[in-house]
Amino acid sequence: KNYCSLYAMSLYADGPQYDAFVAAWKKTGKKLDMGKSCIRFKTADDLALDVIAQALQPMTVAKWIAIYETSLKDSRKRPTKAAKKASKRKLRGDLRSGYRAKS
């Protein structure tokens, strides 16, 4: 491949920590090539290791688990794929039978 990746999912999950990381990286003058949860680089010299260490150090295991569990609770509030399909089927059935929503 043309690059290596360092996965830092905790940065993606915590908005303020992510913003602080990006601001600190910009101060180094190095180019940041970052996806949703990974930092892409070609050589270790491309990394600002001190910035990465400072960004990841505050994330404890307990804090990460709390973030993860919160995201699970939030995802359960969203409609499932099955519920979305059922809703689409109902809508298609209503359209076929000539049902028109009242304005």
N, C-alpha and C. Protein backbone atom coordinates (compact mmCIF):
# COMPACT_ATOMS: atom_id res chain seq x y z
N LYS A 1 0.84 -1.19 0.00
CA LYS A 1 0.00 0.00 0.00
C LYS A 1 0.88 1.25 0.00
N ASN A 2 0.25 2.37 -0.23
CA ASN A 2 0.97 3.63 -0.29
C ASN A 2 1.04 4.37 1.03
N TYR A 3 0.42 3.83 2.06
CA TYR A 3 0.43 4.51 3.34
C TYR A 3 0.17 3.52 4.46
N CYS A 4 0.42 3.96 5.68
CA CYS A 4 0.08 3.20 6.89
C CYS A 4 -1.01 3.98 7.61
N SER A 5 -1.69 3.33 8.50
CA SER A 5 -2.76 3.99 9.25
C SER A 5 -2.59 3.77 10.74
N LEU A 6 -2.86 4.82 11.48
CA LEU A 6 -2.90 4.75 12.93
C LEU A 6 -4.35 5.03 13.32
N TYR A 7 -5.01 4.04 13.90
CA TYR A 7 -6.42 4.20 14.25
C TYR A 7 -6.57 4.80 15.63
N ALA A 8 -7.29 5.90 15.71
CA ALA A 8 -7.52 6.61 16.96
C ALA A 8 -9.02 6.89 17.07
N MET A 9 -9.78 5.84 17.30
CA MET A 9 -11.23 5.97 17.34
C MET A 9 -11.71 6.89 18.46
N SER A 10 -10.94 6.97 19.52
CA SER A 10 -11.36 7.82 20.63
C SER A 10 -11.37 9.29 20.23
N LEU A 11 -10.54 9.69 19.28
CA LEU A 11 -10.56 11.07 18.81
C LEU A 11 -11.85 11.36 18.06
N TYR A 12 -12.29 10.40 17.26
CA TYR A 12 -13.50 10.57 16.47
C TYR A 12 -14.74 10.59 17.36
N ALA A 13 -14.70 9.84 18.44
CA ALA A 13 -15.87 9.71 19.31
C ALA A 13 -16.05 10.91 20.23
N ASP A 14 -15.00 11.65 20.49
CA ASP A 14 -15.05 12.76 21.44
C ASP A 14 -14.77 14.07 20.70
N GLY A 15 -15.81 14.83 20.38
CA GLY A 15 -15.70 16.04 19.57
C GLY A 15 -14.69 17.06 20.07
N PRO A 16 -14.77 17.49 21.34
CA PRO A 16 -13.81 18.48 21.84
C PRO A 16 -12.36 17.98 21.79
N GLN A 17 -12.16 16.70 22.07
CA GLN A 17 -10.82 16.14 22.02
C GLN A 17 -10.31 16.13 20.57
N TYR A 18 -11.19 15.84 19.63
CA TYR A 18 -10.83 15.85 18.21
C TYR A 18 -10.42 17.26 17.77
N ASP A 19 -11.22 18.26 18.15
CA ASP A 19 -10.91 19.64 17.77
C ASP A 19 -9.58 20.09 18.35
N ALA A 20 -9.30 19.73 19.59
CA ALA A 20 -8.03 20.09 20.21
C ALA A 20 -6.86 19.40 19.50
N PHE A 21 -7.08 18.15 19.09
CA PHE A 21 -6.04 17.40 18.38
C PHE A 21 -5.72 18.06 17.05
N VAL A 22 -6.74 18.42 16.28
CA VAL A 22 -6.52 19.04 14.97
C VAL A 22 -5.80 20.38 15.12
N ALA A 23 -6.21 21.18 16.12
CA ALA A 23 -5.56 22.47 16.35
C ALA A 23 -4.09 22.29 16.73
N ALA A 24 -3.80 21.31 17.59
CA ALA A 24 -2.42 21.07 18.00
C ALA A 24 -1.59 20.55 16.83
N TRP A 25 -2.19 19.74 15.98
CA TRP A 25 -1.47 19.21 14.82
C TRP A 25 -1.10 20.33 13.86
N LYS A 26 -2.03 21.26 13.64
CA LYS A 26 -1.77 22.39 12.73
C LYS A 26 -0.57 23.20 13.19
N LYS A 27 -0.39 23.32 14.50
CA LYS A 27 0.73 24.09 15.05
C LYS A 27 2.07 23.45 14.72
N THR A 28 2.08 22.14 14.45
CA THR A 28 3.34 21.46 14.13
C THR A 28 3.82 21.76 12.72
N GLY A 29 2.91 22.19 11.85
CA GLY A 29 3.27 22.45 10.47
C GLY A 29 3.27 21.22 9.58
N LYS A 30 2.94 20.08 10.14
CA LYS A 30 2.88 18.84 9.35
C LYS A 30 1.49 18.68 8.77
N LYS A 31 1.42 17.99 7.62
CA LYS A 31 0.14 17.77 6.96
C LYS A 31 -0.61 16.66 7.69
N LEU A 32 -1.89 16.90 7.95
CA LEU A 32 -2.74 15.90 8.61
C LEU A 32 -3.63 15.26 7.56
N ASP A 33 -3.43 13.97 7.34
CA ASP A 33 -4.27 13.19 6.43
C ASP A 33 -5.07 12.24 7.31
N MET A 34 -6.31 12.64 7.61
CA MET A 34 -7.09 11.90 8.59
C MET A 34 -8.44 11.51 8.03
N GLY A 35 -8.83 10.26 8.27
CA GLY A 35 -10.16 9.78 7.93
C GLY A 35 -11.06 9.94 9.13
N LYS A 36 -12.11 9.13 9.21
CA LYS A 36 -13.03 9.23 10.34
C LYS A 36 -12.35 8.85 11.65
N SER A 37 -11.55 7.80 11.62
CA SER A 37 -10.91 7.39 12.87
C SER A 37 -9.44 7.00 12.66
N CYS A 38 -8.87 7.32 11.52
CA CYS A 38 -7.49 6.93 11.28
C CYS A 38 -6.66 8.12 10.81
N ILE A 39 -5.39 8.07 11.14
CA ILE A 39 -4.42 9.04 10.67
C ILE A 39 -3.53 8.30 9.67
N ARG A 40 -3.54 8.76 8.42
CA ARG A 40 -2.75 8.10 7.38
C ARG A 40 -1.39 8.77 7.26
N PHE A 41 -0.34 7.95 7.08
CA PHE A 41 1.01 8.50 6.95
C PHE A 41 1.86 7.55 6.12
N LYS A 42 2.92 8.08 5.53
CA LYS A 42 3.82 7.26 4.72
C LYS A 42 5.02 6.80 5.52
N THR A 43 5.57 7.69 6.33
CA THR A 43 6.70 7.32 7.19
C THR A 43 6.42 7.83 8.60
N ALA A 44 7.13 7.28 9.57
CA ALA A 44 6.95 7.71 10.96
C ALA A 44 7.34 9.17 11.14
N ASP A 45 8.20 9.67 10.27
CA ASP A 45 8.59 11.08 10.36
C ASP A 45 7.44 12.02 10.03
N ASP A 46 6.43 11.52 9.33
CA ASP A 46 5.25 12.33 8.99
C ASP A 46 4.33 12.55 10.18
N LEU A 47 4.53 11.79 11.25
CA LEU A 47 3.67 11.88 12.42
C LEU A 47 4.19 12.88 13.44
N ALA A 48 3.28 13.53 14.11
CA ALA A 48 3.62 14.38 15.26
C ALA A 48 3.32 13.53 16.50
N LEU A 49 4.28 12.71 16.86
CA LEU A 49 4.06 11.72 17.93
C LEU A 49 3.71 12.36 19.26
N ASP A 50 4.30 13.52 19.57
CA ASP A 50 3.98 14.17 20.84
C ASP A 50 2.53 14.64 20.87
N VAL A 51 2.01 15.11 19.75
CA VAL A 51 0.61 15.54 19.67
C VAL A 51 -0.32 14.34 19.80
N ILE A 52 0.03 13.24 19.16
CA ILE A 52 -0.78 12.02 19.25
C ILE A 52 -0.81 11.52 20.70
N ALA A 53 0.34 11.51 21.35
CA ALA A 53 0.40 11.05 22.74
C ALA A 53 -0.45 11.93 23.65
N GLN A 54 -0.37 13.24 23.46
CA GLN A 54 -1.15 14.15 24.30
C GLN A 54 -2.65 14.00 24.05
N ALA A 55 -3.02 13.69 22.82
CA ALA A 55 -4.43 13.56 22.49
C ALA A 55 -5.03 12.26 23.02
N LEU A 56 -4.25 11.19 22.99
CA LEU A 56 -4.78 9.89 23.39
C LEU A 56 -4.66 9.61 24.89
N GLN A 57 -3.75 10.30 25.55
CA GLN A 57 -3.51 10.04 26.97
C GLN A 57 -4.73 10.25 27.87
N PRO A 58 -5.55 11.30 27.67
CA PRO A 58 -6.70 11.50 28.57
C PRO A 58 -7.80 10.45 28.45
N MET A 59 -7.81 9.67 27.38
CA MET A 59 -8.87 8.69 27.18
C MET A 59 -8.59 7.44 28.00
N THR A 60 -9.34 7.28 29.07
CA THR A 60 -9.19 6.10 29.90
C THR A 60 -10.11 5.00 29.38
N VAL A 61 -9.88 3.80 29.83
CA VAL A 61 -10.72 2.68 29.43
C VAL A 61 -12.16 2.93 29.88
N ALA A 62 -12.33 3.42 31.11
CA ALA A 62 -13.67 3.67 31.63
C ALA A 62 -14.40 4.73 30.80
N LYS A 63 -13.68 5.79 30.41
CA LYS A 63 -14.29 6.85 29.61
C LYS A 63 -14.67 6.31 28.22
N TRP A 64 -13.80 5.48 27.62
CA TRP A 64 -14.09 4.92 26.31
C TRP A 64 -15.32 4.01 26.37
N ILE A 65 -15.43 3.20 27.41
CA ILE A 65 -16.59 2.32 27.56
C ILE A 65 -17.86 3.15 27.72
N ALA A 66 -17.78 4.23 28.48
CA ALA A 66 -18.96 5.09 28.66
C ALA A 66 -19.39 5.71 27.33
N ILE A 67 -18.44 6.17 26.52
CA ILE A 67 -18.76 6.73 25.21
C ILE A 67 -19.39 5.66 24.32
N TYR A 68 -18.81 4.47 24.35
CA TYR A 68 -19.31 3.37 23.54
C TYR A 68 -20.74 2.99 23.94
N GLU A 69 -20.98 2.86 25.23
CA GLU A 69 -22.31 2.49 25.70
C GLU A 69 -23.34 3.57 25.37
N THR A 70 -22.95 4.83 25.44
CA THR A 70 -23.85 5.92 25.08
C THR A 70 -24.20 5.83 23.60
N SER A 71 -23.20 5.52 22.77
CA SER A 71 -23.47 5.42 21.33
C SER A 71 -24.40 4.24 21.04
N LEU A 72 -24.29 3.16 21.81
CA LEU A 72 -25.20 2.03 21.63
C LEU A 72 -26.64 2.42 21.97
N LYS A 73 -26.81 3.16 23.06
CA LYS A 73 -28.15 3.59 23.44
C LYS A 73 -28.74 4.50 22.37
N ASP A 74 -27.91 5.40 21.83
CA ASP A 74 -28.39 6.31 20.79
C ASP A 74 -28.74 5.55 19.52
N SER A 75 -27.96 4.52 19.19
CA SER A 75 -28.22 3.77 17.96
C SER A 75 -29.50 2.95 18.09
N ARG A 76 -29.87 2.58 19.28
CA ARG A 76 -31.11 1.81 19.47
C ARG A 76 -32.33 2.68 19.27
N LYS A 77 -32.18 4.00 19.38
CA LYS A 77 -33.30 4.91 19.18
C LYS A 77 -33.61 5.08 17.70
N ARG A 78 -32.62 4.83 16.85
CA ARG A 78 -32.82 4.97 15.41
C ARG A 78 -33.60 3.77 14.89
N PRO A 79 -34.37 3.99 13.84
CA PRO A 79 -35.12 2.86 13.28
C PRO A 79 -34.18 1.82 12.68
N THR A 80 -34.52 0.56 12.86
CA THR A 80 -33.71 -0.52 12.31
C THR A 80 -33.98 -0.64 10.81
N LYS A 81 -33.16 -1.43 10.12
CA LYS A 81 -33.37 -1.66 8.70
C LYS A 81 -34.73 -2.31 8.45
N ALA A 82 -35.10 -3.23 9.32
CA ALA A 82 -36.39 -3.91 9.16
C ALA A 82 -37.54 -2.92 9.31
N ALA A 83 -37.44 -2.00 10.26
CA ALA A 83 -38.49 -0.99 10.46
C ALA A 83 -38.57 -0.06 9.26
N LYS A 84 -37.42 0.30 8.70
CA LYS A 84 -37.41 1.16 7.52
C LYS A 84 -38.06 0.46 6.33
N LYS A 85 -37.75 -0.84 6.16
CA LYS A 85 -38.35 -1.60 5.05
C LYS A 85 -39.86 -1.70 5.23
N ALA A 86 -40.29 -1.96 6.45
CA ALA A 86 -41.73 -2.08 6.71
C ALA A 86 -42.43 -0.76 6.42
N SER A 87 -41.80 0.35 6.77
CA SER A 87 -42.37 1.66 6.52
C SER A 87 -42.48 1.92 5.02
N LYS A 88 -41.44 1.52 4.27
CA LYS A 88 -41.46 1.69 2.81
C LYS A 88 -42.57 0.82 2.19
N ARG A 89 -42.70 -0.42 2.69
CA ARG A 89 -43.74 -1.31 2.16
C ARG A 89 -45.13 -0.73 2.41
N LYS A 90 -45.34 -0.19 3.60
CA LYS A 90 -46.62 0.41 3.94
C LYS A 90 -46.89 1.60 3.03
N LEU A 91 -45.88 2.43 2.80
CA LEU A 91 -46.04 3.58 1.93
C LEU A 91 -46.38 3.15 0.51
N ARG A 92 -45.67 2.13 0.01
CA ARG A 92 -45.96 1.63 -1.34
C ARG A 92 -47.38 1.08 -1.42
N GLY A 93 -47.80 0.36 -0.39
CA GLY A 93 -49.16 -0.17 -0.36
C GLY A 93 -50.19 0.95 -0.35
N ASP A 94 -49.93 2.00 0.42
CA ASP A 94 -50.84 3.14 0.47
C ASP A 94 -50.92 3.83 -0.89
N LEU A 95 -49.80 3.95 -1.57
CA LEU A 95 -49.78 4.60 -2.87
C LEU A 95 -50.54 3.77 -3.90
N ARG A 96 -50.37 2.46 -3.82
CA ARG A 96 -51.06 1.57 -4.78
C ARG A 96 -52.58 1.61 -4.57
N SER A 97 -52.99 1.73 -3.32
CA SER A 97 -54.43 1.71 -3.04
C SER A 97 -55.08 3.07 -3.24
N GLY A 98 -54.28 4.05 -3.64
CA GLY A 98 -54.85 5.38 -3.93
C GLY A 98 -54.94 6.28 -2.72
N TYR A 99 -54.34 5.91 -1.61
CA TYR A 99 -54.36 6.75 -0.42
C TYR A 99 -53.59 8.03 -0.69
N ARG A 100 -54.14 9.13 -0.28
CA ARG A 100 -53.44 10.40 -0.42
C ARG A 100 -53.43 11.06 0.96
N ALA A 101 -52.26 11.50 1.32
CA ALA A 101 -52.13 12.16 2.63
C ALA A 101 -52.86 13.48 2.60
N LYS A 102 -53.52 13.80 3.72
CA LYS A 102 -54.23 15.08 3.82
C LYS A 102 -53.22 16.16 4.11
N SER A 103 -53.38 17.30 3.46
CA SER A 103 -52.46 18.42 3.65
C SER A 103 -52.85 19.22 4.85
